[in-house]
Amino acid sequence: MKKSTKLLSLVLALAMVLSLAACGGNNTSSTASTGNESQTSTDGGESAATEDTSGSTSASFDIVTVRWTDTWPIDFLETGVMKEIEEETGVDINWQVYYNADWSEQKSLLLASGDLPDAFWGSICLTDTDVNQNKALFVELTDLIDANMPNLNKVFETEPSLKAVITDRNGEIYSLPKKLPLRPQVNDVMYINKTWLDALGLEMPDTYEDLTAVLEAFVTKDPNGNGENDEFGYSAVQSLAGDLRHIMAPFGTMVCRDSSSYGSNYMALNDNSEPIFMPIQDNYKEAVKWMHDLYTKGLIDSECFTQDSSMVTAKTQDPNGSLSGIVFGWTADAQVGVNAPDYEVVPALAGPDGKRYAEHNPEFLDVSRNELLITTKCEDPATLLKWADAYYTDEASLQTFYGSVSDGKIKANDDGTYEVLVPDDGSSLDTSAWSFSMRDFGPKYMNEEFYDKVTLPSDQGDGVKLAEDSINEEYIVTTFPVCAYTEEQTSRLASLTTNLFDYCEAQYAHWVVDGGVEEEWDAYLQQLDAMGLQEYISIQVDAYNAYQESLE
């Protein structure tokens, strides 16, 4: 069946449910608009056998996926490895593409309406809470995986922890996993403006105290040489979760990441691998005191808690030079754009205890569940899983991460090796990969022995990130894992977290700007307990213990 691309929008009205029906017609495009295009669909029909122009039959499925932005193309869904796998497995996929900015509201309407697709693709679509609260809408997959997914079953033999990741507290499986290929050990790192260091004759900082001195020099000695007092020691969209993993890390405040709006559940593991809630620890309090000192000295941007990402980008990606002495992120070019050549990785700083800490969150950044969920609307889940199983190969996973060979994003050599190509449109490899592949989302797994067959450009994107890994990999911290919760626990966490986390965030910003953490600490702890902190910690400890048992 030949597909055509159609732009649809959702007709949102009070008390109305979401419609996902594609407009009719053969090989034509049409648009139904309410003035805001938020969904794009490729016409594939219902989840039943359909006939293509050659007379052969194929199973057709409607699959919802979410893209970060509508500026990214979706043509690759109809070409390259995506199309090839459809043809190889005899299925026809009607991709219904939503965009992240509108997805939260649309998702709620979609789940409430009962007008479901056959499946959801990518962990960006549904959270654990969404799944736990709507299990009746999804197909339990354990037996279906055993019978229809030989590639995935081989993955489970190689890496049993991936099966543990997708198995819920009742021993049931509702989604498929992924493990991203060619990933570094170290996640976000600190980058410092080496051009400024050199201009002032300064050494790379080695301790958190050294950093304080360097930032003071940056804001007082005009390192960019323009005669203006326009430099910031550190400018960012600051949040508690981000700062715990970034600038406060020398104090041992590393927490896990999660997909919530807060960016973390604020859980960590102590030196005995026991779960702890970081915002009540003494080392957190000491880190907050240091942050207040930086703020009082004018070393942190005064707009740190009020600016948005566009304001930070204007400061860090100014074509005349970045205005921030340090930044944190995956790579320098992702944070400061054209100013990346001015920046170098800072080796993890020694903290008050003399230790160094680097972020390592593989179970959130590299491994996840919820990459494919099949709904009860699907009439043929076995066939859909056979299609999904084709993505659990080395070659398919490479192409769904960087772009397809047949689309010119990767060169396949005669000796069985592959070269990921520099984009020919002037964009970065990172931008290209997100634009022309599923990148972080959807089923994938690459065997580690295949890594040696892949060559990445050494001057950008993942090639740079992997090369930088050696600087800090000896300092990585084992973080609290991504755990599974019972339905009751999920409900309780939903009730507890908002008040707890909002209070922690507000107090953190207050203490950085105004000070007073020492004087107000006891009252702060009492208030958190009154809000249910001990129950929250108990749930997290129970989930952690269950996670550990699942690995045995």
Protein backbone atom coordinates (compact mmCIF):
# COMPACT_ATOMS: atom_id res chain seq x y z
CA MET A 1 0.00 0.00 0.00
CA LYS A 2 1.46 3.34 -1.03
CA LYS A 3 1.29 5.99 1.67
CA SER A 4 0.79 9.71 1.46
CA THR A 5 1.57 12.28 4.13
CA LYS A 6 -1.35 14.15 5.62
CA LEU A 7 -1.41 17.01 8.04
CA LEU A 8 -4.12 16.81 10.65
CA SER A 9 -4.87 18.89 13.68
CA LEU A 10 -6.81 17.96 16.74
CA VAL A 11 -10.20 19.56 17.15
CA LEU A 12 -10.06 20.43 20.82
CA ALA A 13 -13.35 21.45 22.38
CA LEU A 14 -14.70 21.34 25.88
CA ALA A 15 -15.92 17.85 26.85
CA MET A 16 -14.99 16.42 23.45
CA VAL A 17 -12.69 13.49 22.92
CA LEU A 18 -9.78 13.18 20.56
CA SER A 19 -10.28 11.95 17.04
CA LEU A 20 -7.45 10.12 15.30
CA ALA A 21 -9.16 9.31 12.01
CA ALA A 22 -7.02 10.19 9.00
CA CYS A 23 -8.66 12.11 6.15
CA GLY A 24 -9.65 9.95 3.20
CA GLY A 25 -8.32 9.95 -0.33
CA ASN A 26 -5.71 8.16 -2.39
CA ASN A 27 -2.22 9.66 -2.61
CA THR A 28 -3.46 13.16 -1.84
CA SER A 29 -2.83 15.56 1.01
CA SER A 30 -5.40 17.48 2.96
CA THR A 31 -5.42 19.53 6.14
CA ALA A 32 -8.08 20.05 8.76
CA SER A 33 -7.03 23.06 10.78
CA THR A 34 -8.00 24.84 13.93
CA GLY A 35 -5.08 27.19 13.41
CA ASN A 36 -2.57 24.97 15.20
CA GLU A 37 -1.03 21.97 13.43
CA SER A 38 -0.11 19.55 16.17
CA GLN A 39 -0.38 16.09 14.63
CA THR A 40 0.89 14.64 11.39
CA SER A 41 -0.32 11.31 10.05
CA THR A 42 0.80 8.97 7.30
CA ASP A 43 -2.21 7.23 5.81
CA GLY A 44 -2.08 3.55 6.59
CA GLY A 45 -5.67 2.62 7.37
CA GLU A 46 -7.00 0.31 10.06
CA SER A 47 -5.15 -2.54 11.77
CA ALA A 48 -6.27 -5.17 9.31
CA ALA A 49 -4.95 -6.84 6.18
CA THR A 50 -4.62 -4.37 3.31
CA GLU A 51 -3.68 -4.86 -0.32
CA ASP A 52 -0.85 -2.95 -1.99
CA THR A 53 -0.58 -2.12 -5.69
CA SER A 54 1.22 -5.41 -6.45
CA GLY A 55 -1.66 -7.44 -5.08
CA SER A 56 0.09 -8.78 -1.98
CA THR A 57 -1.44 -8.36 1.44
CA SER A 58 0.08 -6.73 4.50
CA ALA A 59 -1.07 -6.04 8.02
CA SER A 60 -1.72 -2.36 8.69
CA PHE A 61 -1.22 -0.68 12.06
CA ASP A 62 -1.74 2.82 13.48
CA ILE A 63 1.18 3.82 15.69
CA VAL A 64 1.51 7.04 17.69
CA THR A 65 4.92 8.58 18.27
CA VAL A 66 6.08 11.94 19.61
CA ARG A 67 8.78 14.24 18.26
CA TRP A 68 10.47 16.92 20.35
CA THR A 69 9.76 19.66 17.83
CA ASP A 70 7.81 20.24 14.64
CA THR A 71 10.95 21.70 13.03
CA TRP A 72 12.33 18.18 12.65
CA PRO A 73 11.31 16.36 9.45
CA ILE A 74 9.35 13.13 9.50
CA ASP A 75 10.05 11.99 5.94
CA PHE A 76 12.47 9.35 7.22
CA LEU A 77 9.48 7.40 8.57
CA GLU A 78 8.60 6.58 4.94
CA THR A 79 12.12 5.77 3.71
CA GLY A 80 15.33 4.02 4.66
CA VAL A 81 15.41 1.37 7.35
CA MET A 82 11.91 2.22 8.57
CA LYS A 83 10.40 1.42 5.16
CA GLU A 84 12.72 -1.54 4.61
CA ILE A 85 11.62 -3.24 7.83
CA GLU A 86 7.97 -2.73 6.90
CA GLU A 87 8.57 -4.45 3.57
CA GLU A 88 10.63 -7.26 5.08
CA THR A 89 7.99 -8.08 7.69
CA GLY A 90 4.91 -7.50 5.53
CA VAL A 91 3.36 -4.70 7.55
CA ASP A 92 2.17 -1.22 6.73
CA ILE A 93 2.59 1.44 9.44
CA ASN A 94 0.45 4.55 9.63
CA TRP A 95 2.59 6.85 11.78
CA GLN A 96 0.61 9.38 13.77
CA VAL A 97 3.13 12.00 14.84
CA TYR A 98 2.53 14.38 17.73
CA TYR A 99 4.80 17.11 19.06
CA ASN A 100 6.07 17.35 22.59
CA ALA A 101 4.87 20.90 23.28
CA ASP A 102 1.22 19.77 23.02
CA TRP A 103 1.53 16.12 23.91
CA SER A 104 0.65 16.24 27.61
CA GLU A 105 -2.85 17.58 26.98
CA GLN A 106 -3.38 15.46 23.87
CA LYS A 107 -2.23 12.32 25.65
CA SER A 108 -4.78 12.80 28.42
CA LEU A 109 -7.57 13.25 25.89
CA LEU A 110 -6.42 10.25 23.89
CA LEU A 111 -6.26 7.87 26.84
CA ALA A 112 -9.62 9.08 28.16
CA SER A 113 -11.36 8.78 24.80
CA GLY A 114 -10.68 5.11 24.22
CA ASP A 115 -10.04 5.91 20.54
CA LEU A 116 -6.59 4.37 20.70
CA PRO A 117 -3.92 3.56 18.13
CA ASP A 118 -2.61 0.03 17.83
CA ALA A 119 0.57 1.02 19.63
CA PHE A 120 2.67 3.81 21.12
CA TRP A 121 6.29 4.05 19.97
CA GLY A 122 9.00 5.60 22.14
CA SER A 123 9.34 6.20 25.87
CA ILE A 124 8.65 9.88 25.20
CA CYS A 125 4.98 8.91 24.76
CA LEU A 126 3.96 7.31 28.04
CA THR A 127 5.41 7.33 31.54
CA ASP A 128 5.27 4.51 34.07
CA THR A 129 2.44 6.38 35.77
CA ASP A 130 0.47 6.52 32.52
CA VAL A 131 0.87 2.78 32.08
CA ASN A 132 0.13 1.83 35.69
CA GLN A 133 -3.02 3.93 35.75
CA ASN A 134 -4.29 2.56 32.42
CA LYS A 135 -3.20 -1.08 32.33
CA ALA A 136 -6.57 -2.20 31.01
CA LEU A 137 -5.74 -0.38 27.77
CA PHE A 138 -2.57 -2.35 27.06
CA VAL A 139 -1.71 -5.92 26.06
CA GLU A 140 0.39 -8.04 28.44
CA LEU A 141 3.32 -9.22 26.33
CA THR A 142 5.25 -11.95 28.15
CA ASP A 143 4.02 -14.96 26.14
CA LEU A 144 3.83 -12.96 22.91
CA ILE A 145 7.48 -11.94 23.22
CA ASP A 146 8.53 -15.55 23.82
CA ALA A 147 6.66 -16.72 20.73
CA ASN A 148 7.34 -13.91 18.25
CA MET A 149 10.56 -12.06 19.09
CA PRO A 150 13.68 -14.24 18.61
CA ASN A 151 15.98 -11.22 18.35
CA LEU A 152 14.76 -9.74 21.62
CA ASN A 153 14.98 -13.10 23.36
CA LYS A 154 18.65 -13.29 22.33
CA VAL A 155 19.11 -9.83 23.84
CA PHE A 156 17.61 -11.06 27.10
CA GLU A 157 20.09 -13.96 27.12
CA THR A 158 22.98 -11.53 26.60
CA GLU A 159 21.74 -8.90 29.02
CA PRO A 160 19.13 -10.25 31.50
CA SER A 161 18.88 -6.86 33.20
CA LEU A 162 16.94 -5.55 30.19
CA LYS A 163 14.18 -8.06 30.87
CA ALA A 164 14.19 -6.96 34.50
CA VAL A 165 13.78 -3.35 33.36
CA ILE A 166 10.52 -4.09 31.53
CA THR A 167 9.06 -6.50 34.10
CA ASP A 168 6.67 -4.83 36.52
CA ARG A 169 6.17 -5.60 40.21
CA ASN A 170 3.52 -8.20 39.32
CA GLY A 171 5.92 -10.07 37.03
CA GLU A 172 4.12 -8.81 33.92
CA ILE A 173 5.50 -7.12 30.80
CA TYR A 174 3.61 -4.36 29.02
CA SER A 175 6.34 -2.71 26.96
CA LEU A 176 9.55 -3.30 25.03
CA PRO A 177 13.00 -2.01 26.03
CA LYS A 178 15.87 -0.20 24.37
CA LYS A 179 19.55 0.20 25.04
CA LEU A 180 21.23 3.01 23.17
CA PRO A 181 24.45 2.16 21.33
CA LEU A 182 27.88 3.80 21.55
CA ARG A 183 27.16 5.57 24.82
CA PRO A 184 29.75 7.17 27.11
CA GLN A 185 30.16 6.35 30.78
CA VAL A 186 30.07 10.02 31.78
CA ASN A 187 26.97 12.08 31.14
CA ASP A 188 26.92 15.88 31.57
CA VAL A 189 30.24 17.54 32.39
CA MET A 190 31.51 21.03 33.17
CA TYR A 191 33.03 23.01 30.30
CA ILE A 192 35.13 26.09 31.04
CA ASN A 193 36.02 28.97 28.75
CA LYS A 194 39.68 28.11 28.14
CA THR A 195 40.12 31.26 26.06
CA TRP A 196 39.28 33.31 29.16
CA LEU A 197 41.59 31.23 31.33
CA ASP A 198 44.45 31.83 28.90
CA ALA A 199 43.69 35.54 28.59
CA LEU A 200 43.99 35.92 32.38
CA GLY A 201 46.90 33.51 32.77
CA LEU A 202 44.87 31.14 34.95
CA GLU A 203 45.21 27.39 35.45
CA MET A 204 42.40 24.89 35.04
CA PRO A 205 40.59 24.69 38.43
CA ASP A 206 41.19 21.49 40.40
CA THR A 207 38.94 22.00 43.44
CA TYR A 208 35.64 23.71 44.16
CA GLU A 209 37.62 26.46 45.90
CA ASP A 210 39.75 26.92 42.78
CA LEU A 211 36.55 27.31 40.79
CA THR A 212 35.37 30.09 43.09
CA ALA A 213 38.61 31.99 42.50
CA VAL A 214 38.46 31.48 38.73
CA LEU A 215 34.85 32.68 38.52
CA GLU A 216 35.76 35.78 40.53
CA ALA A 217 38.47 36.56 38.00
CA PHE A 218 36.07 36.00 35.12
CA VAL A 219 33.55 38.56 36.40
CA THR A 220 36.06 41.21 37.51
CA LYS A 221 38.96 41.16 35.03
CA ASP A 222 37.27 41.49 31.61
CA PRO A 223 38.56 38.23 30.09
CA ASN A 224 36.79 38.86 26.77
CA GLY A 225 38.63 42.17 26.48
CA ASN A 226 35.71 44.29 25.30
CA GLY A 227 36.01 46.83 28.11
CA GLU A 228 32.53 45.99 29.44
CA ASN A 229 31.53 44.24 32.64
CA ASP A 230 29.36 41.75 30.75
CA GLU A 231 30.82 38.40 31.79
CA PHE A 232 29.00 35.87 33.97
CA GLY A 233 30.79 33.27 36.01
CA TYR A 234 27.90 30.89 35.43
CA SER A 235 24.64 31.46 33.56
CA ALA A 236 22.02 28.74 33.19
CA VAL A 237 18.38 27.87 33.71
CA GLN A 238 19.02 26.69 37.24
CA SER A 239 16.95 24.07 39.01
CA LEU A 240 17.52 21.93 42.06
CA ALA A 241 17.83 18.68 40.10
CA GLY A 242 20.21 20.21 37.58
CA ASP A 243 22.43 21.88 40.16
CA LEU A 244 22.68 18.72 42.27
CA ARG A 245 24.12 16.91 39.24
CA HIS A 246 26.16 19.83 37.94
CA ILE A 247 27.70 22.70 39.87
CA MET A 248 27.10 21.21 43.35
CA ALA A 249 28.54 17.81 42.42
CA PRO A 250 31.89 18.36 44.25
CA PHE A 251 29.85 18.10 47.46
CA GLY A 252 28.68 14.59 46.57
CA THR A 253 25.12 15.60 45.71
CA MET A 254 24.72 13.44 42.60
CA VAL A 255 21.12 12.30 42.12
CA CYS A 256 19.43 10.19 39.49
CA ARG A 257 17.51 11.57 36.56
CA ASP A 258 13.94 10.78 35.66
CA SER A 259 11.36 11.84 33.10
CA SER A 260 9.27 13.98 35.47
CA SER A 261 8.99 17.74 35.10
CA TYR A 262 11.43 18.05 38.02
CA GLY A 263 14.12 16.03 36.25
CA SER A 264 14.79 13.80 39.26
CA ASN A 265 13.14 12.05 42.18
CA TYR A 266 16.04 13.43 44.28
CA MET A 267 17.07 9.95 45.36
CA ALA A 268 20.72 8.91 45.59
CA LEU A 269 22.83 6.11 47.00
CA ASN A 270 25.19 6.67 49.92
CA ASP A 271 28.61 5.07 50.32
CA ASN A 272 26.92 1.87 51.53
CA SER A 273 24.64 1.76 48.45
CA GLU A 274 21.64 2.66 50.60
CA PRO A 275 18.90 4.91 49.17
CA ILE A 276 18.81 8.46 50.53
CA PHE A 277 16.80 11.61 49.79
CA MET A 278 19.49 14.12 48.85
CA PRO A 279 17.81 17.44 49.82
CA ILE A 280 17.92 16.53 53.53
CA GLN A 281 21.58 15.48 53.70
CA ASP A 282 24.24 17.52 55.50
CA ASN A 283 26.45 17.65 52.38
CA TYR A 284 23.50 19.19 50.51
CA LYS A 285 23.24 21.89 53.17
CA GLU A 286 26.96 22.66 52.81
CA ALA A 287 26.60 22.82 49.03
CA VAL A 288 23.75 25.32 49.37
CA LYS A 289 25.91 27.52 51.59
CA TRP A 290 28.59 27.53 48.89
CA MET A 291 26.03 28.38 46.20
CA HIS A 292 24.84 31.34 48.28
CA ASP A 293 28.44 32.51 48.55
CA LEU A 294 28.80 32.37 44.76
CA TYR A 295 25.55 34.27 44.32
CA THR A 296 26.46 36.93 46.88
CA LYS A 297 29.78 37.53 45.12
CA GLY A 298 28.00 37.99 41.79
CA LEU A 299 29.52 34.87 40.26
CA ILE A 300 26.15 33.37 39.33
CA ASP A 301 23.85 35.15 36.90
CA SER A 302 21.26 37.08 38.92
CA GLU A 303 18.60 35.83 36.47
CA CYS A 304 19.50 32.19 37.14
CA PHE A 305 16.12 31.26 38.62
CA THR A 306 13.95 33.39 36.34
CA GLN A 307 15.39 33.15 32.83
CA ASP A 308 14.35 30.62 30.21
CA SER A 309 16.48 28.62 27.80
CA SER A 310 16.24 31.23 25.03
CA MET A 311 17.73 33.86 27.33
CA VAL A 312 20.60 31.55 28.25
CA THR A 313 21.20 30.69 24.61
CA ALA A 314 21.45 34.39 23.78
CA LYS A 315 24.21 34.69 26.38
CA THR A 316 26.13 31.50 25.67
CA GLN A 317 25.76 31.33 21.89
CA ASP A 318 26.35 35.02 21.14
CA PRO A 319 28.35 35.04 17.86
CA ASN A 320 30.69 37.60 19.42
CA GLY A 321 31.57 35.10 22.15
CA SER A 322 29.87 33.35 25.04
CA LEU A 323 29.30 35.42 28.17
CA SER A 324 29.35 32.46 30.61
CA GLY A 325 32.63 31.26 32.06
CA ILE A 326 31.36 27.73 32.67
CA VAL A 327 28.51 25.66 31.26
CA PHE A 328 27.28 22.12 31.87
CA GLY A 329 26.01 19.72 29.27
CA TRP A 330 26.49 16.70 27.04
CA THR A 331 28.93 18.42 24.67
CA ALA A 332 30.24 21.95 24.36
CA ASP A 333 28.66 22.51 20.95
CA ALA A 334 25.26 21.54 22.33
CA GLN A 335 25.56 24.27 24.97
CA VAL A 336 27.48 27.12 23.35
CA GLY A 337 27.14 26.43 19.63
CA VAL A 338 29.69 28.32 17.54
CA ASN A 339 31.64 29.18 20.68
CA ALA A 340 32.49 25.53 21.40
CA PRO A 341 36.17 25.90 20.34
CA ASP A 342 36.64 28.26 23.31
CA TYR A 343 35.65 25.58 25.83
CA GLU A 344 37.35 22.55 27.34
CA VAL A 345 36.16 19.81 29.68
CA VAL A 346 36.96 20.41 33.35
CA PRO A 347 38.16 17.28 35.17
CA ALA A 348 35.79 16.59 38.07
CA LEU A 349 36.57 19.02 40.89
CA ALA A 350 37.66 17.84 44.31
CA GLY A 351 35.09 18.68 46.97
CA PRO A 352 35.39 19.31 50.72
CA ASP A 353 35.98 15.58 51.29
CA GLY A 354 38.69 15.46 48.63
CA LYS A 355 36.60 13.18 46.42
CA ARG A 356 35.56 13.80 42.82
CA TYR A 357 32.18 12.94 41.33
CA ALA A 358 31.04 12.51 37.71
CA GLU A 359 27.49 11.86 36.51
CA HIS A 360 26.64 8.34 35.38
CA ASN A 361 22.93 7.71 34.73
CA PRO A 362 22.88 4.83 32.21
CA GLU A 363 19.56 3.41 33.35
CA PHE A 364 17.83 6.66 32.49
CA LEU A 365 19.89 7.93 29.56
CA ASP A 366 20.81 4.64 27.88
CA VAL A 367 18.25 2.04 28.95
CA SER A 368 14.49 2.32 29.27
CA ARG A 369 11.16 0.56 29.05
CA ASN A 370 7.96 1.87 27.38
CA GLU A 371 9.58 1.91 23.93
CA LEU A 372 6.62 0.07 22.40
CA LEU A 373 3.26 -0.50 24.06
CA ILE A 374 0.49 -2.35 22.24
CA THR A 375 -3.08 -1.37 23.00
CA THR A 376 -6.11 -3.61 23.23
CA LYS A 377 -7.33 -2.07 19.98
CA CYS A 378 -4.66 -4.01 18.10
CA GLU A 379 -6.19 -7.04 16.37
CA ASP A 380 -2.88 -8.77 15.61
CA PRO A 381 -0.27 -8.06 18.30
CA ALA A 382 1.83 -11.07 17.25
CA THR A 383 2.48 -9.63 13.79
CA LEU A 384 3.21 -6.21 15.24
CA LEU A 385 5.78 -7.73 17.60
CA LYS A 386 7.43 -9.61 14.72
CA TRP A 387 7.84 -6.23 13.00
CA ALA A 388 9.24 -4.67 16.18
CA ASP A 389 11.66 -7.57 16.62
CA ALA A 390 13.42 -6.56 13.39
CA TYR A 391 14.68 -3.43 15.17
CA TYR A 392 16.67 -5.52 17.66
CA THR A 393 19.59 -6.07 15.27
CA ASP A 394 22.94 -4.30 15.14
CA GLU A 395 22.39 -2.80 11.69
CA ALA A 396 18.83 -1.64 12.37
CA SER A 397 19.79 -0.10 15.71
CA LEU A 398 22.68 1.79 14.13
CA GLN A 399 20.33 3.27 11.53
CA THR A 400 17.52 4.13 13.93
CA PHE A 401 20.11 6.05 15.97
CA TYR A 402 22.00 7.96 13.26
CA GLY A 403 19.92 7.71 10.08
CA SER A 404 19.66 5.18 7.30
CA VAL A 405 22.31 3.84 4.94
CA SER A 406 19.96 4.14 1.97
CA ASP A 407 19.17 7.75 2.93
CA GLY A 408 22.87 8.66 2.78
CA LYS A 409 23.42 9.18 6.51
CA ILE A 410 25.71 6.16 6.96
CA LYS A 411 28.16 4.51 4.56
CA ALA A 412 28.19 0.71 4.53
CA ASN A 413 31.60 -0.60 3.49
CA ASP A 414 32.28 -3.88 1.69
CA ASP A 415 34.21 -5.24 4.69
CA GLY A 416 31.16 -5.06 6.96
CA THR A 417 32.13 -1.81 8.66
CA TYR A 418 30.10 1.39 8.77
CA GLU A 419 30.92 5.10 8.72
CA VAL A 420 28.51 7.62 10.20
CA LEU A 421 28.79 10.56 7.81
CA VAL A 422 29.13 14.27 8.54
CA PRO A 423 25.89 15.97 7.40
CA ASP A 424 26.23 17.63 4.00
CA ASP A 425 23.74 20.38 4.85
CA GLY A 426 26.01 22.17 7.33
CA SER A 427 24.14 20.93 10.42
CA SER A 428 25.82 19.12 13.29
CA LEU A 429 25.80 15.35 13.47
CA ASP A 430 23.71 15.54 16.65
CA THR A 431 21.08 17.67 14.92
CA SER A 432 21.07 15.41 11.89
CA ALA A 433 20.67 12.25 13.96
CA TRP A 434 17.67 13.66 15.82
CA SER A 435 16.16 14.94 12.56
CA PHE A 436 16.53 11.82 10.42
CA SER A 437 16.13 8.93 12.84
CA MET A 438 14.17 7.87 15.90
CA ARG A 439 17.40 8.53 17.83
CA ASP A 440 16.75 7.88 21.57
CA PHE A 441 13.28 6.42 21.11
CA GLY A 442 11.90 3.07 20.02
CA PRO A 443 13.17 -0.52 20.28
CA LYS A 444 16.91 -0.96 19.66
CA TYR A 445 19.90 -2.91 20.89
CA MET A 446 23.43 -3.18 19.51
CA ASN A 447 25.84 -5.87 20.65
CA GLU A 448 29.00 -4.32 22.04
CA GLU A 449 31.27 -6.30 19.70
CA PHE A 450 29.57 -4.46 16.82
CA TYR A 451 30.79 -1.10 18.17
CA ASP A 452 34.24 -1.70 16.66
CA LYS A 453 32.67 -1.86 13.21
CA VAL A 454 31.32 1.70 13.47
CA THR A 455 33.37 4.84 12.83
CA LEU A 456 32.06 8.19 14.07
CA PRO A 457 33.28 11.65 13.03
CA SER A 458 35.93 12.62 15.56
CA ASP A 459 35.24 16.35 15.58
CA GLN A 460 31.58 16.54 16.62
CA GLY A 461 28.66 14.88 18.33
CA ASP A 462 29.07 11.41 19.78
CA GLY A 463 32.64 11.09 18.50
CA VAL A 464 33.69 14.05 20.64
CA LYS A 465 31.68 12.82 23.62
CA LEU A 466 33.26 9.38 23.58
CA ALA A 467 36.74 10.87 23.23
CA GLU A 468 36.11 13.09 26.27
CA ASP A 469 34.96 10.13 28.36
CA SER A 470 38.45 9.25 29.54
CA ILE A 471 38.79 12.57 31.37
CA ASN A 472 36.21 11.77 34.04
CA GLU A 473 35.18 8.12 33.74
CA GLU A 474 37.19 7.12 36.82
CA TYR A 475 35.00 9.43 38.92
CA ILE A 476 31.55 8.17 37.91
CA VAL A 477 28.99 7.75 40.68
CA THR A 478 26.51 4.89 40.85
CA THR A 479 23.11 6.53 41.09
CA PHE A 480 19.68 5.43 42.26
CA PRO A 481 18.25 3.22 39.48
CA VAL A 482 15.05 3.57 37.49
CA CYS A 483 12.70 1.47 39.61
CA ALA A 484 9.27 -0.02 39.06
CA TYR A 485 6.41 0.74 41.44
CA THR A 486 3.18 -1.00 42.32
CA GLU A 487 -0.05 0.66 41.25
CA GLU A 488 -0.70 1.69 44.85
CA GLN A 489 2.78 3.17 45.15
CA THR A 490 2.35 5.03 41.88
CA SER A 491 -0.84 6.58 43.21
CA ARG A 492 0.79 7.60 46.49
CA LEU A 493 3.83 9.07 44.76
CA ALA A 494 1.54 11.15 42.57
CA SER A 495 -0.04 12.55 45.74
CA LEU A 496 3.21 13.16 47.61
CA THR A 497 5.75 14.42 45.13
CA THR A 498 4.31 17.73 43.98
CA ASN A 499 4.18 19.34 47.42
CA LEU A 500 7.48 17.82 48.54
CA PHE A 501 9.41 18.74 45.42
CA ASP A 502 7.92 22.21 45.01
CA TYR A 503 8.87 23.00 48.60
CA CYS A 504 12.42 21.71 48.12
CA GLU A 505 12.80 23.73 44.91
CA ALA A 506 11.44 26.91 46.50
CA GLN A 507 13.65 26.62 49.56
CA TYR A 508 16.70 25.96 47.44
CA ALA A 509 16.18 29.08 45.34
CA HIS A 510 15.46 31.11 48.49
CA TRP A 511 18.62 29.94 50.23
CA VAL A 512 20.85 30.55 47.21
CA VAL A 513 19.56 34.09 46.79
CA ASP A 514 18.79 35.13 50.38
CA GLY A 515 20.80 32.72 52.52
CA GLY A 516 19.57 31.35 55.85
CA VAL A 517 19.90 27.61 55.24
CA GLU A 518 21.63 26.98 58.57
CA GLU A 519 19.09 28.95 60.60
CA GLU A 520 16.07 27.47 58.80
CA TRP A 521 17.29 23.89 58.39
CA ASP A 522 15.45 22.24 61.30
CA ALA A 523 12.14 23.87 60.39
CA TYR A 524 12.67 22.76 56.79
CA LEU A 525 13.14 19.13 57.83
CA GLN A 526 10.06 19.27 60.04
CA GLN A 527 7.97 20.68 57.21
CA LEU A 528 9.09 17.95 54.82
CA ASP A 529 8.14 15.29 57.35
CA ALA A 530 4.73 16.93 57.75
CA MET A 531 4.32 16.71 53.98
CA GLY A 532 4.91 12.94 54.01
CA LEU A 533 8.62 12.67 53.29
CA GLN A 534 9.11 9.52 55.35
CA GLU A 535 6.36 7.72 53.43
CA TYR A 536 7.95 8.89 50.19
CA ILE A 537 11.36 7.55 51.23
CA SER A 538 9.80 4.26 52.35
CA ILE A 539 8.23 3.77 48.92
CA GLN A 540 11.53 4.48 47.18
CA VAL A 541 13.43 2.08 49.45
CA ASP A 542 10.87 -0.67 48.81
CA ALA A 543 11.09 -0.11 45.04
CA TYR A 544 14.88 -0.16 45.21
CA ASN A 545 14.90 -3.45 47.12
CA ALA A 546 12.51 -4.98 44.58
CA TYR A 547 14.78 -3.76 41.77
CA GLN A 548 17.81 -5.40 43.40
CA GLU A 549 15.88 -8.66 43.78
CA SER A 550 14.89 -8.59 40.09
CA LEU A 551 18.56 -8.67 39.11
CA GLU A 552 19.28 -11.85 41.07
